[in-house]
N, C-alpha and C. Protein backbone atom coordinates (compact mmCIF):
# COMPACT_ATOMS: atom_id res chain seq x y z
N MET A 1 162.85 23.86 216.76
CA MET A 1 164.22 23.99 216.84
C MET A 1 164.94 23.82 218.32
N ASN A 2 164.05 23.01 219.06
CA ASN A 2 164.40 23.01 220.35
C ASN A 2 165.82 22.28 220.72
N TRP A 3 166.13 21.27 219.48
CA TRP A 3 167.21 20.63 219.71
C TRP A 3 168.60 21.51 219.79
N LEU A 4 168.55 22.76 219.50
CA LEU A 4 169.78 23.62 219.47
C LEU A 4 170.00 24.18 221.01
N ASN A 5 169.02 24.03 221.70
CA ASN A 5 169.18 24.07 223.33
C ASN A 5 169.39 22.88 223.99
N SER A 6 169.42 21.79 223.52
CA SER A 6 169.73 20.46 223.93
C SER A 6 171.11 20.35 224.07
N GLU A 7 171.38 19.36 224.92
CA GLU A 7 172.88 18.91 225.48
C GLU A 7 173.49 18.17 224.17
N ALA A 8 174.79 18.62 223.89
CA ALA A 8 175.45 18.05 222.71
C ALA A 8 176.23 16.83 223.42
N PHE A 9 177.02 17.24 224.44
CA PHE A 9 177.71 16.39 225.08
C PHE A 9 178.25 16.83 226.58
N THR A 10 178.95 16.12 227.22
CA THR A 10 179.60 16.57 228.43
C THR A 10 181.25 16.57 228.32
N LEU A 11 181.71 17.55 228.60
CA LEU A 11 183.29 17.88 228.60
C LEU A 11 183.93 18.43 229.83
N PHE A 12 184.56 17.53 230.47
CA PHE A 12 185.19 18.00 231.97
C PHE A 12 184.04 18.23 232.79
N GLY A 13 183.15 17.61 232.94
CA GLY A 13 181.78 17.70 233.67
C GLY A 13 181.10 18.84 233.37
N GLN A 14 181.32 19.65 232.19
CA GLN A 14 180.54 20.53 231.83
C GLN A 14 179.38 20.11 230.63
N HIS A 15 178.28 20.56 230.76
CA HIS A 15 177.18 20.29 229.72
C HIS A 15 177.28 21.33 228.62
N ILE A 16 177.63 20.67 227.31
CA ILE A 16 177.79 21.57 226.33
C ILE A 16 176.49 21.37 225.46
N LYS A 17 176.04 22.79 225.15
CA LYS A 17 174.75 22.96 224.54
C LYS A 17 175.19 23.05 222.74
N TRP A 18 174.13 22.47 222.18
CA TRP A 18 174.44 22.57 220.54
C TRP A 18 174.45 24.11 220.23
N SER A 19 173.67 24.73 220.79
CA SER A 19 173.55 26.21 220.42
C SER A 19 174.84 26.99 220.76
N ASP A 20 175.35 26.56 222.08
CA ASP A 20 176.50 27.30 222.74
C ASP A 20 177.57 26.71 221.66
N MET A 21 177.77 25.67 221.26
CA MET A 21 178.93 25.11 220.47
C MET A 21 179.03 25.72 219.31
N ILE A 22 177.62 25.65 218.47
CA ILE A 22 177.60 25.95 216.91
C ILE A 22 177.84 27.37 216.97
N GLY A 23 177.40 28.44 217.76
CA GLY A 23 177.28 29.58 217.75
C GLY A 23 178.78 30.26 217.87
N ASN A 24 179.59 29.68 218.83
CA ASN A 24 180.73 30.07 219.07
C ASN A 24 181.95 29.45 218.12
N VAL A 25 181.51 28.57 217.53
CA VAL A 25 182.47 27.81 216.69
C VAL A 25 182.59 28.72 215.43
N VAL A 26 181.17 29.33 214.85
CA VAL A 26 180.89 30.19 213.97
C VAL A 26 181.78 31.74 214.22
N GLY A 27 181.38 31.90 215.66
CA GLY A 27 182.08 33.20 216.16
C GLY A 27 183.70 33.11 215.80
N LEU A 28 184.25 31.83 216.06
CA LEU A 28 185.75 31.84 215.87
C LEU A 28 185.98 31.92 214.32
N ILE A 29 185.31 31.25 213.73
CA ILE A 29 185.68 31.53 212.12
C ILE A 29 185.56 33.07 211.64
N ALA A 30 184.67 33.78 212.51
CA ALA A 30 184.26 35.03 211.75
C ALA A 30 185.80 36.05 212.56
N LEU A 31 186.34 35.57 213.75
CA LEU A 31 187.24 36.36 214.11
C LEU A 31 188.53 36.14 213.21
N ALA A 32 188.40 34.67 212.76
CA ALA A 32 189.75 34.34 212.11
C ALA A 32 189.52 35.11 210.53
N LEU A 33 188.27 35.35 210.04
CA LEU A 33 188.30 36.07 208.75
C LEU A 33 188.45 37.53 209.22
N GLY A 34 188.10 38.16 210.21
CA GLY A 34 188.42 39.35 210.59
C GLY A 34 189.91 39.65 210.65
N TRP A 35 190.59 38.69 211.20
CA TRP A 35 192.20 38.68 211.14
C TRP A 35 192.49 38.80 209.76
N ARG A 36 192.15 37.98 208.81
CA ARG A 36 192.40 38.05 207.56
C ARG A 36 191.95 39.35 206.58
N ARG A 37 190.93 40.19 207.45
CA ARG A 37 190.33 41.19 206.77
C ARG A 37 189.52 40.90 205.69
N SER A 38 188.98 39.82 205.76
CA SER A 38 187.89 39.40 204.70
C SER A 38 186.46 39.75 205.09
N ILE A 39 185.93 40.42 204.13
CA ILE A 39 184.56 40.92 204.37
C ILE A 39 183.36 39.84 204.96
N TRP A 40 183.75 38.57 204.64
CA TRP A 40 182.96 37.49 204.96
C TRP A 40 183.05 37.26 206.44
N THR A 41 183.93 38.22 207.27
CA THR A 41 183.62 38.05 208.74
C THR A 41 182.26 38.46 209.32
N TRP A 42 181.61 39.41 208.54
CA TRP A 42 180.42 40.05 208.91
C TRP A 42 179.18 39.09 208.92
N PRO A 43 179.18 38.43 207.59
CA PRO A 43 177.86 37.16 207.52
C PRO A 43 178.28 36.40 208.57
N ALA A 44 179.47 35.94 208.98
CA ALA A 44 179.80 35.13 210.00
C ALA A 44 179.32 35.60 211.38
N GLN A 45 179.82 36.57 211.53
CA GLN A 45 179.31 37.42 213.00
C GLN A 45 177.75 37.21 212.94
N PHE A 46 177.23 37.59 211.84
CA PHE A 46 175.60 37.57 211.98
C PHE A 46 175.09 36.24 212.38
N LEU A 47 175.69 35.30 211.72
CA LEU A 47 175.07 34.04 212.08
C LEU A 47 175.46 33.38 213.34
N SER A 48 176.67 33.92 213.86
CA SER A 48 176.92 33.63 215.22
C SER A 48 175.89 34.00 216.25
N GLY A 49 175.76 35.54 215.85
CA GLY A 49 174.91 36.13 216.60
C GLY A 49 173.41 35.72 216.84
N LEU A 50 173.11 35.14 215.55
CA LEU A 50 171.51 34.56 215.48
C LEU A 50 171.48 33.51 216.25
N VAL A 51 172.44 32.42 216.31
CA VAL A 51 172.40 31.25 217.16
C VAL A 51 172.45 31.46 218.40
N LEU A 52 173.50 32.48 219.03
CA LEU A 52 173.76 32.74 220.40
C LEU A 52 172.60 33.49 220.79
N PHE A 53 171.93 34.23 220.23
CA PHE A 53 170.77 34.92 220.86
C PHE A 53 169.54 33.63 221.35
N GLY A 54 169.45 32.63 220.50
CA GLY A 54 168.55 31.60 221.01
C GLY A 54 169.09 31.06 222.35
N ALA A 55 170.52 30.81 222.41
CA ALA A 55 171.12 30.11 223.38
C ALA A 55 170.99 30.99 224.75
N PHE A 56 171.36 32.33 224.73
CA PHE A 56 171.46 33.39 225.90
C PHE A 56 169.99 33.59 226.28
N ALA A 57 168.98 33.65 225.30
CA ALA A 57 167.78 34.14 225.56
C ALA A 57 166.88 33.13 226.55
N THR A 58 167.28 31.70 226.31
CA THR A 58 166.55 30.74 226.94
C THR A 58 167.20 30.58 228.42
N ALA A 59 168.39 31.00 228.68
CA ALA A 59 169.37 31.06 230.16
C ALA A 59 168.95 32.18 230.84
N HIS A 60 168.07 33.39 230.50
CA HIS A 60 167.69 34.24 231.14
C HIS A 60 168.78 35.39 231.28
N LEU A 61 169.60 35.26 230.30
CA LEU A 61 170.80 36.28 230.42
C LEU A 61 170.55 37.48 229.17
N SER A 62 169.45 38.36 229.78
CA SER A 62 169.19 39.40 228.82
C SER A 62 170.18 40.41 228.18
N GLY A 63 170.96 40.46 228.70
CA GLY A 63 172.17 41.38 228.33
C GLY A 63 173.04 40.82 227.23
N SER A 64 173.29 39.33 227.62
CA SER A 64 173.96 38.75 226.33
C SER A 64 173.06 38.27 225.30
N ALA A 65 172.05 38.28 225.42
CA ALA A 65 170.99 37.86 224.30
C ALA A 65 170.93 39.36 223.72
N GLY A 66 170.88 40.38 224.40
CA GLY A 66 170.48 41.58 223.63
C GLY A 66 171.69 42.02 222.96
N LYS A 67 172.84 41.60 223.61
CA LYS A 67 174.18 41.87 222.76
C LYS A 67 174.02 41.44 221.54
N GLN A 68 173.54 40.06 221.18
CA GLN A 68 173.65 39.26 220.02
C GLN A 68 172.57 40.03 219.22
N ILE A 69 171.54 40.51 219.30
CA ILE A 69 171.00 41.49 218.51
C ILE A 69 171.72 42.60 217.76
N VAL A 70 172.42 43.32 218.77
CA VAL A 70 173.22 44.47 218.43
C VAL A 70 174.42 43.81 217.53
N VAL A 71 174.87 42.69 217.77
CA VAL A 71 176.02 42.07 217.03
C VAL A 71 175.56 42.03 215.53
N MET A 72 174.28 41.44 215.54
CA MET A 72 173.68 41.35 214.28
C MET A 72 173.50 42.63 213.44
N LEU A 73 173.05 43.55 214.08
CA LEU A 73 172.78 45.15 213.46
C LEU A 73 174.30 45.46 213.07
N VAL A 74 175.08 45.58 214.37
CA VAL A 74 176.41 45.95 213.57
C VAL A 74 177.17 45.37 212.53
N ALA A 75 176.94 43.85 212.54
CA ALA A 75 177.53 42.98 211.65
C ALA A 75 176.92 43.45 210.04
N SER A 76 175.60 43.76 210.23
CA SER A 76 175.02 44.22 208.95
C SER A 76 175.72 45.62 208.54
N TRP A 77 175.88 46.62 209.34
CA TRP A 77 176.51 47.79 209.24
C TRP A 77 178.00 47.57 208.71
N GLY A 78 178.75 46.79 209.43
CA GLY A 78 180.11 46.47 209.08
C GLY A 78 180.28 45.84 207.61
N PHE A 79 179.44 44.91 207.31
CA PHE A 79 179.32 44.48 206.02
C PHE A 79 179.30 45.47 204.97
N TRP A 80 178.27 46.34 205.19
CA TRP A 80 177.86 47.74 204.14
C TRP A 80 179.04 48.35 204.13
N LYS A 81 179.65 48.84 205.22
CA LYS A 81 181.00 49.61 205.48
C LYS A 81 182.12 49.08 204.76
N TRP A 82 182.43 48.01 204.97
CA TRP A 82 183.50 47.45 204.20
C TRP A 82 183.34 47.01 202.55
N ASN A 83 182.00 46.81 202.44
CA ASN A 83 181.53 46.32 201.09
C ASN A 83 181.78 47.53 200.15
N ARG A 84 181.48 48.87 200.84
CA ARG A 84 181.77 50.26 200.16
C ARG A 84 182.95 50.20 199.31
N GLY A 85 184.12 49.72 199.89
CA GLY A 85 185.44 49.75 199.18
C GLY A 85 185.80 51.02 199.34
N ARG A 86 185.59 51.79 200.14
CA ARG A 86 186.37 52.97 200.21
C ARG A 86 187.65 53.15 200.81
N GLN A 87 188.01 52.14 201.53
CA GLN A 87 189.11 52.01 202.45
C GLN A 87 189.92 50.66 202.06
N GLN A 88 190.42 50.74 200.76
CA GLN A 88 191.46 49.35 200.31
C GLN A 88 192.67 49.65 200.25
N ALA A 89 193.32 48.51 200.73
CA ALA A 89 194.93 48.56 200.73
C ALA A 89 195.37 48.07 199.39
N GLN A 90 196.61 48.27 199.34
CA GLN A 90 197.29 48.09 197.81
C GLN A 90 196.90 46.43 197.26
N ASP A 91 196.70 45.82 198.33
CA ASP A 91 196.53 44.30 197.90
C ASP A 91 194.99 44.18 197.67
N GLY A 92 194.15 45.20 197.78
CA GLY A 92 192.89 44.94 197.49
C GLY A 92 192.08 44.56 198.86
N SER A 93 193.02 44.30 200.04
CA SER A 93 192.22 43.91 201.48
C SER A 93 191.86 45.39 202.15
N ILE A 94 191.04 45.35 203.13
CA ILE A 94 190.53 46.10 203.80
C ILE A 94 191.88 46.87 204.39
N ALA A 95 191.99 48.26 204.33
CA ALA A 95 193.04 49.00 204.90
C ALA A 95 192.89 49.22 206.30
N VAL A 96 193.61 49.01 207.35
CA VAL A 96 193.73 49.21 208.70
C VAL A 96 194.62 50.44 209.43
N ARG A 97 194.23 51.00 210.30
CA ARG A 97 194.83 51.95 210.98
C ARG A 97 194.69 52.06 212.41
N PHE A 98 195.51 52.77 213.08
CA PHE A 98 195.36 52.98 214.42
C PHE A 98 194.37 54.16 214.70
N ALA A 99 193.52 54.28 215.74
CA ALA A 99 192.65 55.06 215.83
C ALA A 99 193.55 56.57 216.41
N THR A 100 192.69 57.59 215.96
CA THR A 100 193.33 58.96 216.63
C THR A 100 193.24 59.15 218.17
N ASN A 101 194.07 59.83 218.68
CA ASN A 101 193.85 60.34 220.19
C ASN A 101 192.20 60.37 220.52
N LEU A 102 191.69 61.48 219.78
CA LEU A 102 190.31 61.69 220.13
C LEU A 102 189.55 60.42 219.61
N GLU A 103 189.52 59.86 219.06
CA GLU A 103 188.61 58.27 218.70
C GLU A 103 188.88 57.71 219.80
N ARG A 104 190.00 57.58 220.42
CA ARG A 104 190.40 56.60 221.47
C ARG A 104 189.76 56.93 222.64
N VAL A 105 189.88 58.50 222.84
CA VAL A 105 189.03 58.96 223.80
C VAL A 105 187.54 58.64 223.75
N LEU A 106 186.86 58.95 222.46
CA LEU A 106 185.80 58.56 222.40
C LEU A 106 185.19 57.17 222.77
N LEU A 107 186.02 56.10 222.16
CA LEU A 107 185.74 54.87 222.20
C LEU A 107 185.58 54.33 223.85
N ALA A 108 186.76 54.86 224.53
CA ALA A 108 186.93 54.48 225.88
C ALA A 108 185.51 55.37 226.87
N GLY A 109 185.20 56.36 226.46
CA GLY A 109 184.23 57.09 226.96
C GLY A 109 182.59 56.48 226.70
N ALA A 110 182.57 56.25 225.74
CA ALA A 110 181.42 55.36 225.29
C ALA A 110 181.32 54.13 225.88
N ALA A 111 182.58 53.47 225.98
CA ALA A 111 182.49 52.18 226.86
C ALA A 111 182.11 52.28 228.21
N VAL A 112 182.71 53.25 228.97
CA VAL A 112 182.57 53.49 230.33
C VAL A 112 181.03 54.01 230.68
N VAL A 113 180.45 55.01 229.84
CA VAL A 113 179.30 55.50 230.00
C VAL A 113 178.16 54.31 229.52
N GLY A 114 178.46 53.65 228.51
CA GLY A 114 177.45 52.42 228.11
C GLY A 114 177.42 51.40 229.31
N THR A 115 178.45 51.17 229.75
CA THR A 115 178.47 50.07 230.82
C THR A 115 177.85 50.52 232.09
N LEU A 116 177.89 51.73 232.38
CA LEU A 116 177.13 52.37 233.77
C LEU A 116 175.72 52.61 233.33
N ALA A 117 175.38 52.81 232.09
CA ALA A 117 174.05 52.77 231.85
C ALA A 117 173.44 51.50 231.69
N VAL A 118 173.91 50.67 230.76
CA VAL A 118 173.33 49.07 230.75
C VAL A 118 173.55 48.57 232.17
N GLY A 119 174.38 48.50 232.88
CA GLY A 119 174.60 47.85 234.21
C GLY A 119 173.46 48.56 235.10
N GLY A 120 173.46 49.83 235.08
CA GLY A 120 172.31 50.37 236.11
C GLY A 120 170.79 49.94 235.81
N LEU A 121 170.71 49.90 234.37
CA LEU A 121 169.42 49.44 234.10
C LEU A 121 169.29 47.90 234.44
N PHE A 122 170.09 46.84 234.32
CA PHE A 122 169.98 45.55 234.78
C PHE A 122 169.74 45.62 236.25
N THR A 123 170.58 46.64 236.98
CA THR A 123 170.46 46.44 238.48
C THR A 123 169.01 47.02 238.85
N LEU A 124 168.62 48.13 238.16
CA LEU A 124 167.03 48.36 238.45
C LEU A 124 166.17 47.22 238.24
N TYR A 125 166.49 46.28 237.22
CA TYR A 125 165.51 45.35 236.75
C TYR A 125 166.28 43.87 236.84
N PRO A 126 166.42 43.50 238.11
CA PRO A 126 167.00 42.15 238.05
C PRO A 126 166.82 41.18 237.30
N SER A 127 165.51 41.28 236.66
CA SER A 127 165.10 40.11 235.89
C SER A 127 165.54 40.06 234.43
N LEU A 128 166.38 41.13 234.17
CA LEU A 128 166.94 41.28 233.03
C LEU A 128 168.15 40.43 232.80
N SER A 129 168.89 40.27 234.27
CA SER A 129 170.16 39.40 233.97
C SER A 129 170.44 38.92 235.40
N TRP A 130 171.37 37.91 235.53
CA TRP A 130 171.62 37.40 236.55
C TRP A 130 172.84 37.91 237.03
N ASP A 131 173.79 38.39 236.16
CA ASP A 131 175.06 39.22 236.59
C ASP A 131 174.86 40.72 235.70
N PRO A 132 174.44 41.37 236.42
CA PRO A 132 174.23 42.81 235.74
C PRO A 132 175.61 43.61 235.02
N TRP A 133 176.37 43.66 236.13
CA TRP A 133 177.46 44.42 235.89
C TRP A 133 178.41 43.63 234.52
N PRO A 134 179.00 42.58 234.84
CA PRO A 134 179.58 41.72 233.97
C PRO A 134 178.88 41.74 232.56
N ASP A 135 177.67 41.33 232.86
CA ASP A 135 176.69 41.26 231.47
C ASP A 135 176.72 42.53 230.66
N ALA A 136 176.65 43.55 231.39
CA ALA A 136 176.43 44.86 230.65
C ALA A 136 178.00 45.37 230.09
N TYR A 137 178.96 44.85 230.93
CA TYR A 137 180.13 45.02 230.36
C TYR A 137 180.77 44.25 228.98
N ILE A 138 179.97 43.21 229.06
CA ILE A 138 180.36 42.34 227.78
C ILE A 138 179.46 42.84 226.75
N PHE A 139 178.26 43.17 226.99
CA PHE A 139 177.38 43.98 226.04
C PHE A 139 178.03 45.20 225.33
N VAL A 140 178.56 46.06 226.12
CA VAL A 140 178.84 47.26 225.62
C VAL A 140 180.32 47.03 225.03
N GLY A 141 181.23 46.34 225.68
CA GLY A 141 182.29 46.12 225.05
C GLY A 141 182.42 45.34 223.66
N THR A 142 181.65 44.54 223.37
CA THR A 142 181.33 44.03 222.07
C THR A 142 180.97 45.08 221.24
N ILE A 143 180.12 45.89 221.24
CA ILE A 143 179.42 46.80 220.48
C ILE A 143 180.78 47.74 219.98
N VAL A 144 181.47 48.11 221.15
CA VAL A 144 182.68 48.90 221.02
C VAL A 144 183.74 48.23 220.06
N ALA A 145 183.92 47.13 220.22
CA ALA A 145 184.87 46.35 219.53
C ALA A 145 184.35 46.22 218.14
N MET A 146 183.24 46.03 217.80
CA MET A 146 182.64 45.69 216.59
C MET A 146 182.49 47.00 215.71
N TYR A 147 182.44 48.09 216.27
CA TYR A 147 182.19 49.37 215.85
C TYR A 147 183.71 49.81 215.51
N ALA A 148 184.82 49.57 216.02
CA ALA A 148 186.23 49.80 215.85
C ALA A 148 186.52 49.04 214.46
N GLN A 149 186.18 47.69 214.48
CA GLN A 149 186.52 46.76 213.61
C GLN A 149 186.01 47.38 212.18
N ALA A 150 184.81 47.66 212.14
CA ALA A 150 184.03 48.17 211.06
C ALA A 150 184.73 49.40 210.52
N ARG A 151 185.46 50.32 211.50
CA ARG A 151 186.19 51.55 210.96
C ARG A 151 187.54 51.08 210.74
N GLY A 152 188.05 49.73 210.64
CA GLY A 152 189.40 49.19 210.61
C GLY A 152 190.32 49.77 211.65
N MET A 153 190.05 49.99 212.60
CA MET A 153 190.87 50.42 213.70
C MET A 153 191.51 49.27 214.70
N VAL A 154 192.99 49.45 214.62
CA VAL A 154 193.45 48.25 215.28
C VAL A 154 193.30 48.30 216.59
N GLU A 155 192.75 49.12 217.32
CA GLU A 155 192.32 49.10 218.57
C GLU A 155 191.14 47.96 218.80
N PHE A 156 190.38 47.69 217.93
CA PHE A 156 189.31 46.91 218.06
C PHE A 156 189.78 45.39 218.88
N TRP A 157 191.03 45.17 218.48
CA TRP A 157 191.76 43.78 219.30
C TRP A 157 191.81 44.09 220.77
N PHE A 158 192.19 45.22 221.02
CA PHE A 158 192.32 45.47 222.47
C PHE A 158 190.97 45.52 223.08
N ALA A 159 189.88 45.92 222.60
CA ALA A 159 188.66 45.81 222.83
C ALA A 159 188.24 44.58 223.27
N TRP A 160 188.60 43.46 222.44
CA TRP A 160 188.18 42.18 222.35
C TRP A 160 188.76 41.54 223.49
N LEU A 161 190.18 41.72 223.82
CA LEU A 161 191.02 41.13 224.93
C LEU A 161 190.07 41.66 226.08
N LEU A 162 189.79 42.79 226.36
CA LEU A 162 188.98 43.36 227.54
C LEU A 162 187.68 42.53 227.84
N VAL A 163 186.86 42.22 226.73
CA VAL A 163 185.94 41.59 226.85
C VAL A 163 186.14 40.23 227.29
N ASP A 164 187.17 39.64 226.77
CA ASP A 164 187.59 38.12 227.09
C ASP A 164 187.75 38.02 228.63
N LEU A 165 188.60 39.16 228.84
CA LEU A 165 188.90 39.11 230.39
C LEU A 165 187.69 38.78 231.54
N VAL A 166 186.38 39.22 231.17
CA VAL A 166 185.45 38.92 231.89
C VAL A 166 184.48 37.89 231.46
N GLY A 167 184.49 37.66 229.99
CA GLY A 167 183.78 36.83 229.27
C GLY A 167 183.89 35.27 229.62
N VAL A 168 185.28 34.94 229.84
CA VAL A 168 185.66 33.59 230.44
C VAL A 168 184.68 33.18 231.64
N PRO A 169 185.34 33.82 232.90
CA PRO A 169 184.40 33.32 234.08
C PRO A 169 183.07 33.61 234.22
N LEU A 170 182.58 34.51 233.27
CA LEU A 170 180.92 34.74 233.10
C LEU A 170 180.27 33.76 232.71
N ASN A 171 180.80 33.17 231.43
CA ASN A 171 180.23 32.02 230.82
C ASN A 171 180.43 30.66 231.61
N PHE A 172 181.62 30.50 232.09
CA PHE A 172 181.59 29.32 233.09
C PHE A 172 180.62 29.37 234.28
N ALA A 173 180.39 30.42 234.81
CA ALA A 173 179.53 30.73 235.83
C ALA A 173 178.18 30.28 235.51
N ASN A 174 177.69 30.52 234.47
CA ASN A 174 176.30 30.41 233.90
C ASN A 174 176.03 29.26 232.98
N GLY A 175 176.84 28.28 232.97
CA GLY A 175 176.59 27.12 232.51
C GLY A 175 176.89 27.06 230.98
N PHE A 176 177.42 28.02 230.45
CA PHE A 176 178.05 28.11 228.97
C PHE A 176 179.30 27.81 228.90
N ALA A 177 179.79 26.38 229.39
CA ALA A 177 181.15 26.04 229.41
C ALA A 177 181.89 26.04 228.03
N PHE A 178 181.23 25.93 226.92
CA PHE A 178 181.66 25.94 225.58
C PHE A 178 181.90 27.41 225.17
N SER A 179 181.29 28.36 225.54
CA SER A 179 181.69 29.76 225.33
C SER A 179 182.92 29.99 226.10
N GLY A 180 183.02 29.59 227.39
CA GLY A 180 184.13 29.94 228.11
C GLY A 180 185.57 29.31 227.54
N PHE A 181 185.28 28.17 227.18
CA PHE A 181 186.74 27.64 226.53
C PHE A 181 186.91 28.08 225.08
N VAL A 182 185.86 28.73 224.28
CA VAL A 182 186.18 29.28 223.27
C VAL A 182 186.79 30.61 223.27
N TYR A 183 186.30 31.29 224.49
CA TYR A 183 186.79 32.65 224.81
C TYR A 183 188.21 32.80 225.01
N VAL A 184 188.77 31.42 225.56
CA VAL A 184 190.14 31.30 225.80
C VAL A 184 190.72 31.41 224.40
N ILE A 185 190.28 30.52 223.35
CA ILE A 185 190.79 30.54 222.05
C ILE A 185 190.65 31.89 221.32
N TYR A 186 189.91 32.68 221.79
CA TYR A 186 189.51 33.96 221.28
C TYR A 186 190.89 34.75 221.57
N GLY A 187 191.15 34.60 222.88
CA GLY A 187 192.19 35.44 223.25
C GLY A 187 193.56 35.04 222.59
N ALA A 188 193.89 33.84 222.19
CA ALA A 188 194.93 33.66 221.45
C ALA A 188 195.02 34.09 220.05
N LEU A 189 193.63 34.07 219.46
CA LEU A 189 193.23 34.50 218.08
C LEU A 189 193.36 35.90 218.02
N VAL A 190 193.25 36.63 218.93
CA VAL A 190 192.86 38.29 219.09
C VAL A 190 194.54 38.63 219.25
N LEU A 191 195.52 37.85 220.00
CA LEU A 191 196.80 38.41 219.95
C LEU A 191 197.39 38.45 218.69
N TRP A 192 196.88 37.06 218.00
CA TRP A 192 197.60 36.79 216.56
C TRP A 192 197.22 38.23 215.42
N GLY A 193 195.67 38.25 215.62
CA GLY A 193 195.03 39.17 214.70
C GLY A 193 195.68 40.80 215.13
N LEU A 194 195.89 41.12 216.46
CA LEU A 194 196.46 42.19 216.55
C LEU A 194 197.91 42.45 216.07
N ARG A 195 198.71 41.65 216.29
CA ARG A 195 200.05 41.40 215.57
C ARG A 195 199.90 41.73 214.22
N ASP A 196 199.25 41.03 213.49
CA ASP A 196 199.02 41.20 212.08
C ASP A 196 198.39 42.73 211.67
N TRP A 197 197.48 43.25 212.32
CA TRP A 197 196.82 44.57 212.08
C TRP A 197 197.90 45.55 212.22
N TRP A 198 198.59 45.45 213.42
CA TRP A 198 199.54 46.26 213.92
C TRP A 198 200.78 46.47 212.98
N LEU A 199 201.24 45.26 212.37
CA LEU A 199 202.32 45.45 211.51
C LEU A 199 201.78 46.05 210.23
N ARG A 200 200.54 45.53 209.77
CA ARG A 200 200.03 46.26 208.52
C ARG A 200 199.92 47.67 208.67
N SER A 201 199.39 48.02 209.64
CA SER A 201 199.09 49.73 209.69
C SER A 201 200.59 50.38 209.68
N ARG A 202 201.50 49.74 210.31
CA ARG A 202 202.62 50.42 210.28
C ARG A 202 203.05 50.46 208.75
N ASP A 203 203.04 49.40 207.99
CA ASP A 203 203.42 49.31 206.69
C ASP A 203 202.62 50.26 205.83
N ALA A 204 201.57 50.70 206.26
CA ALA A 204 200.67 51.57 205.35
C ALA A 204 200.88 53.02 205.78
N ARG A 205 201.65 53.40 206.44
CA ARG A 205 201.80 54.55 206.93
C ARG A 205 202.50 55.59 205.81
N PRO A 206 201.88 56.54 205.31
CA PRO A 206 202.58 57.34 204.21
C PRO A 206 203.89 57.80 204.72
N VAL A 207 204.87 57.77 203.48
CA VAL A 207 205.96 58.40 203.58
C VAL A 207 206.06 59.74 203.28
N LEU A 208 206.56 60.77 204.29
CA LEU A 208 206.83 62.20 203.81
C LEU A 208 207.57 62.39 202.47
N GLU A 209 207.26 63.27 201.66
CA GLU A 209 208.17 63.68 200.58
C GLU A 209 209.44 64.27 201.14
N GLY A 210 210.38 63.69 200.32
CA GLY A 210 211.56 63.99 200.71
C GLY A 210 212.37 63.23 201.71
N ALA A 211 211.41 62.45 202.49
CA ALA A 211 212.11 61.72 203.60
C ALA A 211 212.32 60.35 203.16
N PRO A 212 213.66 59.71 203.86
CA PRO A 212 213.81 58.30 203.39
C PRO A 212 212.81 57.41 203.59
N ALA A 213 212.74 56.48 202.67
CA ALA A 213 211.58 55.37 202.81
C ALA A 213 211.90 54.41 203.94
């Protein structure tokens, strides 16, 4: 399967690898499916993680490669979570909501502590990553975003936006130009998906008995 890590074409002077391109195209599909609240977002994320694992592993980006392993694990858990059908909206799709204040604090705290821990590990063992802190930030941020998505939290879109801010320059700097281009598209899809989930979460709010609808 060495062809996956071979060059597909050159775009604006950047060498595009097959694995980088295929993995990220599938990732875009997964994000679009997530916006539609389709359960197929999880198999798509799993496949994207599988392909990108091979891409990042050969590039000596252990954090990004390890992230893909976690992506596959969380995607499996997310598929199971959504497939249980415990949180269905009236139209049969997955119900979404805003996180509680406690959940937001826990998510933010996990992101900070996780990034410090993983970044510290990469700093102690430089062979694990060329860019320890950005790599750790993306690694942990992706986990937090996918966890929030599996729980149907609108905040998962904000987490993806924060990951994008670092993911774009990191991928360009490490030779994954297609990933960099795709992260820009991710940003647009995230804003679109955020608006949709935001509106649906407001529509799903219960009306108090005796209050005007």
